[in-house]
N, C-alpha and C. Protein backbone atom coordinates (compact mmCIF):
# COMPACT_ATOMS: atom_id res chain seq x y z
N MET A 1 77.78 81.33 104.38
CA MET A 1 77.55 82.62 103.76
C MET A 1 78.85 83.06 103.08
N PRO A 2 78.82 83.32 101.80
CA PRO A 2 80.06 83.68 101.08
C PRO A 2 80.55 85.07 101.45
N ASN A 3 81.85 85.24 101.36
CA ASN A 3 82.46 86.54 101.63
C ASN A 3 82.18 87.48 100.47
N THR A 4 81.50 88.57 100.74
CA THR A 4 81.17 89.53 99.69
C THR A 4 81.98 90.81 99.81
N LYS A 5 82.95 90.81 100.69
CA LYS A 5 83.79 91.99 100.87
C LYS A 5 84.74 92.11 99.69
N PRO A 6 84.88 93.32 99.15
CA PRO A 6 85.76 93.49 97.99
C PRO A 6 87.24 93.38 98.36
N ILE A 7 87.98 92.69 97.54
CA ILE A 7 89.42 92.58 97.72
C ILE A 7 90.05 93.71 96.90
N PRO A 8 90.91 94.52 97.51
CA PRO A 8 91.50 95.64 96.76
C PRO A 8 92.48 95.16 95.69
N THR A 9 92.50 95.88 94.60
CA THR A 9 93.46 95.58 93.53
C THR A 9 94.81 96.19 93.89
N PRO A 10 95.88 95.72 93.27
CA PRO A 10 97.19 96.34 93.51
C PRO A 10 97.18 97.85 93.24
N ALA A 11 96.49 98.28 92.20
CA ALA A 11 96.43 99.71 91.88
C ALA A 11 95.69 100.49 92.97
N GLU A 12 94.63 99.92 93.53
CA GLU A 12 93.90 100.58 94.61
C GLU A 12 94.75 100.69 95.87
N ILE A 13 95.53 99.66 96.14
CA ILE A 13 96.40 99.66 97.32
C ILE A 13 97.47 100.74 97.18
N ALA A 14 98.09 100.81 96.02
CA ALA A 14 99.13 101.82 95.79
C ALA A 14 98.55 103.23 95.84
N LEU A 15 97.39 103.43 95.23
CA LEU A 15 96.78 104.76 95.22
C LEU A 15 96.40 105.20 96.63
N ALA A 16 95.82 104.30 97.40
CA ALA A 16 95.43 104.65 98.77
C ALA A 16 96.65 105.05 99.60
N ARG A 17 97.75 104.33 99.42
CA ARG A 17 98.97 104.67 100.17
C ARG A 17 99.50 106.03 99.75
N GLU A 18 99.51 106.28 98.43
CA GLU A 18 100.00 107.57 97.93
C GLU A 18 99.12 108.72 98.40
N VAL A 19 97.80 108.52 98.39
CA VAL A 19 96.88 109.55 98.88
C VAL A 19 97.15 109.85 100.35
N ALA A 20 97.48 108.81 101.11
CA ALA A 20 97.78 108.99 102.54
C ALA A 20 99.15 109.64 102.76
N GLY A 21 99.96 109.72 101.70
CA GLY A 21 101.28 110.32 101.83
C GLY A 21 102.28 109.46 102.57
N LEU A 22 102.14 108.15 102.45
CA LEU A 22 102.99 107.23 103.19
C LEU A 22 103.92 106.46 102.26
N THR A 23 105.06 106.07 102.80
CA THR A 23 105.94 105.14 102.10
C THR A 23 105.36 103.74 102.30
N GLN A 24 105.89 102.78 101.55
CA GLN A 24 105.44 101.40 101.74
C GLN A 24 105.74 100.92 103.15
N SER A 25 106.89 101.28 103.67
CA SER A 25 107.25 100.87 105.04
C SER A 25 106.31 101.48 106.07
N GLN A 26 105.98 102.75 105.90
CA GLN A 26 105.06 103.40 106.83
C GLN A 26 103.67 102.78 106.76
N ALA A 27 103.21 102.48 105.56
CA ALA A 27 101.90 101.85 105.40
C ALA A 27 101.88 100.48 106.06
N ALA A 28 102.95 99.72 105.88
CA ALA A 28 103.04 98.40 106.49
C ALA A 28 103.00 98.49 108.01
N GLU A 29 103.74 99.42 108.56
CA GLU A 29 103.76 99.59 110.01
C GLU A 29 102.39 99.98 110.55
N LEU A 30 101.68 100.81 109.80
CA LEU A 30 100.37 101.29 110.23
C LEU A 30 99.37 100.16 110.44
N VAL A 31 99.50 99.10 109.64
CA VAL A 31 98.56 97.97 109.75
C VAL A 31 99.24 96.72 110.30
N PHE A 32 100.31 96.92 111.04
CA PHE A 32 100.97 95.87 111.81
C PHE A 32 101.62 94.78 110.95
N LEU A 33 102.13 95.17 109.81
CA LEU A 33 102.94 94.25 109.01
C LEU A 33 104.39 94.40 109.45
N GLY A 34 105.13 93.34 109.39
CA GLY A 34 106.51 93.36 109.87
C GLY A 34 107.45 94.21 109.04
N ALA A 35 107.20 94.33 107.74
CA ALA A 35 108.14 95.04 106.89
C ALA A 35 107.42 95.61 105.68
N GLY A 36 108.03 96.64 105.11
CA GLY A 36 107.48 97.26 103.91
C GLY A 36 107.51 96.33 102.72
N GLN A 37 108.33 95.29 102.77
CA GLN A 37 108.40 94.33 101.67
C GLN A 37 107.05 93.70 101.39
N ARG A 38 106.32 93.36 102.44
CA ARG A 38 105.00 92.75 102.27
C ARG A 38 104.07 93.73 101.56
N TRP A 39 104.13 95.00 101.95
CA TRP A 39 103.28 96.00 101.31
C TRP A 39 103.63 96.12 99.82
N ALA A 40 104.90 96.08 99.52
CA ALA A 40 105.33 96.14 98.11
C ALA A 40 104.77 94.95 97.34
N GLU A 41 104.71 93.79 97.97
CA GLU A 41 104.16 92.61 97.33
C GLU A 41 102.67 92.78 97.04
N TYR A 42 101.96 93.45 97.94
CA TYR A 42 100.54 93.75 97.68
C TYR A 42 100.40 94.66 96.47
N GLU A 43 101.24 95.69 96.41
CA GLU A 43 101.15 96.66 95.32
C GLU A 43 101.56 96.06 93.97
N ARG A 44 102.43 95.06 93.99
CA ARG A 44 102.86 94.42 92.74
C ARG A 44 101.96 93.25 92.35
N GLY A 45 100.99 92.92 93.19
CA GLY A 45 100.09 91.82 92.90
C GLY A 45 100.65 90.45 93.20
N LEU A 46 101.73 90.39 93.96
CA LEU A 46 102.34 89.10 94.31
C LEU A 46 101.61 88.43 95.48
N ARG A 47 100.92 89.24 96.26
CA ARG A 47 100.12 88.74 97.39
C ARG A 47 98.77 89.46 97.34
N VAL A 48 97.77 88.82 97.94
CA VAL A 48 96.44 89.42 98.02
C VAL A 48 96.23 89.94 99.44
N MET A 49 95.84 91.19 99.55
CA MET A 49 95.58 91.78 100.86
C MET A 49 94.19 91.37 101.32
N ASP A 50 94.10 90.85 102.55
CA ASP A 50 92.79 90.48 103.07
C ASP A 50 91.98 91.74 103.39
N TYR A 51 90.67 91.58 103.34
CA TYR A 51 89.80 92.74 103.50
C TYR A 51 89.96 93.42 104.86
N SER A 52 90.17 92.66 105.91
CA SER A 52 90.28 93.28 107.24
C SER A 52 91.48 94.22 107.32
N ARG A 53 92.60 93.84 106.71
CA ARG A 53 93.78 94.72 106.72
C ARG A 53 93.52 95.96 105.86
N TRP A 54 92.87 95.76 104.71
CA TRP A 54 92.52 96.86 103.83
C TRP A 54 91.60 97.85 104.54
N GLU A 55 90.60 97.32 105.24
CA GLU A 55 89.66 98.18 105.96
C GLU A 55 90.37 98.94 107.08
N LEU A 56 91.26 98.26 107.81
CA LEU A 56 92.02 98.93 108.87
C LEU A 56 92.84 100.07 108.30
N PHE A 57 93.50 99.84 107.17
CA PHE A 57 94.30 100.90 106.55
C PHE A 57 93.40 102.08 106.16
N ALA A 58 92.26 101.79 105.56
CA ALA A 58 91.34 102.84 105.14
C ALA A 58 90.84 103.65 106.34
N ILE A 59 90.52 102.99 107.42
CA ILE A 59 90.05 103.69 108.62
C ILE A 59 91.15 104.56 109.20
N LYS A 60 92.34 103.99 109.36
CA LYS A 60 93.43 104.72 110.00
C LYS A 60 93.94 105.89 109.16
N THR A 61 93.71 105.86 107.85
CA THR A 61 94.16 106.96 107.00
C THR A 61 93.02 107.90 106.62
N GLY A 62 91.84 107.68 107.19
CA GLY A 62 90.71 108.57 106.93
C GLY A 62 90.09 108.38 105.54
N GLN A 63 90.32 107.23 104.92
CA GLN A 63 89.80 106.99 103.58
C GLN A 63 88.61 106.04 103.54
N HIS A 64 88.18 105.55 104.69
CA HIS A 64 87.05 104.63 104.71
C HIS A 64 85.76 105.42 104.52
N PRO A 65 84.86 104.94 103.66
CA PRO A 65 83.63 105.71 103.41
C PRO A 65 82.67 105.78 104.59
N ASP A 66 82.76 104.82 105.52
CA ASP A 66 81.82 104.78 106.64
C ASP A 66 82.39 105.17 107.99
N TYR A 67 83.71 105.10 108.14
CA TYR A 67 84.33 105.35 109.44
C TYR A 67 85.45 106.35 109.31
N LYS A 68 85.54 107.22 110.28
CA LYS A 68 86.62 108.20 110.32
C LYS A 68 87.37 108.02 111.64
N PRO A 69 88.70 108.13 111.61
CA PRO A 69 89.48 107.92 112.84
C PRO A 69 89.26 109.05 113.83
N THR A 70 89.36 108.71 115.09
CA THR A 70 89.30 109.71 116.16
C THR A 70 90.49 109.48 117.06
N LYS A 71 90.87 110.50 117.77
CA LYS A 71 91.96 110.38 118.73
C LYS A 71 91.37 110.02 120.09
N ALA A 72 91.69 108.84 120.54
CA ALA A 72 91.22 108.41 121.86
C ALA A 72 92.17 108.96 122.91
N LYS A 73 91.60 109.40 124.00
CA LYS A 73 92.41 109.91 125.11
C LYS A 73 92.11 109.07 126.33
N PHE A 74 93.18 108.58 126.93
CA PHE A 74 93.04 107.79 128.14
C PHE A 74 93.50 108.66 129.30
N VAL A 75 92.64 108.79 130.27
CA VAL A 75 92.93 109.65 131.41
C VAL A 75 92.87 108.81 132.68
N ILE A 76 93.92 108.90 133.46
CA ILE A 76 93.94 108.22 134.76
C ILE A 76 93.42 109.22 135.77
N THR A 77 92.32 108.86 136.42
CA THR A 77 91.72 109.80 137.36
C THR A 77 92.10 109.54 138.81
N ALA A 78 92.62 108.38 139.10
CA ALA A 78 93.03 108.08 140.47
C ALA A 78 94.44 107.54 140.47
N LYS A 79 95.22 108.00 141.40
CA LYS A 79 96.59 107.50 141.49
C LYS A 79 96.57 106.18 142.26
N PRO A 80 97.33 105.19 141.75
CA PRO A 80 97.38 103.91 142.48
C PRO A 80 98.10 104.08 143.80
N LYS A 81 97.68 103.31 144.78
CA LYS A 81 98.33 103.34 146.09
C LYS A 81 99.57 102.47 146.04
N LEU A 82 100.68 103.02 146.42
CA LEU A 82 101.93 102.27 146.47
C LEU A 82 102.15 101.81 147.90
N THR A 83 102.32 100.53 148.08
CA THR A 83 102.54 100.03 149.45
C THR A 83 103.86 99.35 149.58
């Protein structure tokens, strides 16, 4: 089955980051890239961003058309026994 997921263009990547109000380094960190340099390469068209990373960025910045981020809360209800 062929991949029908759209690959973002460099202009779409840059616009989405700007709309989110992030620097390239902040955007890279948000989607677990090691450095802002990689993000800059996406924006300049030197590298192609895979759809899963693009979708993660869209979800985490509230720009995904189908998913909106929520704040998960983890609550510990029982204290562990220390022996």
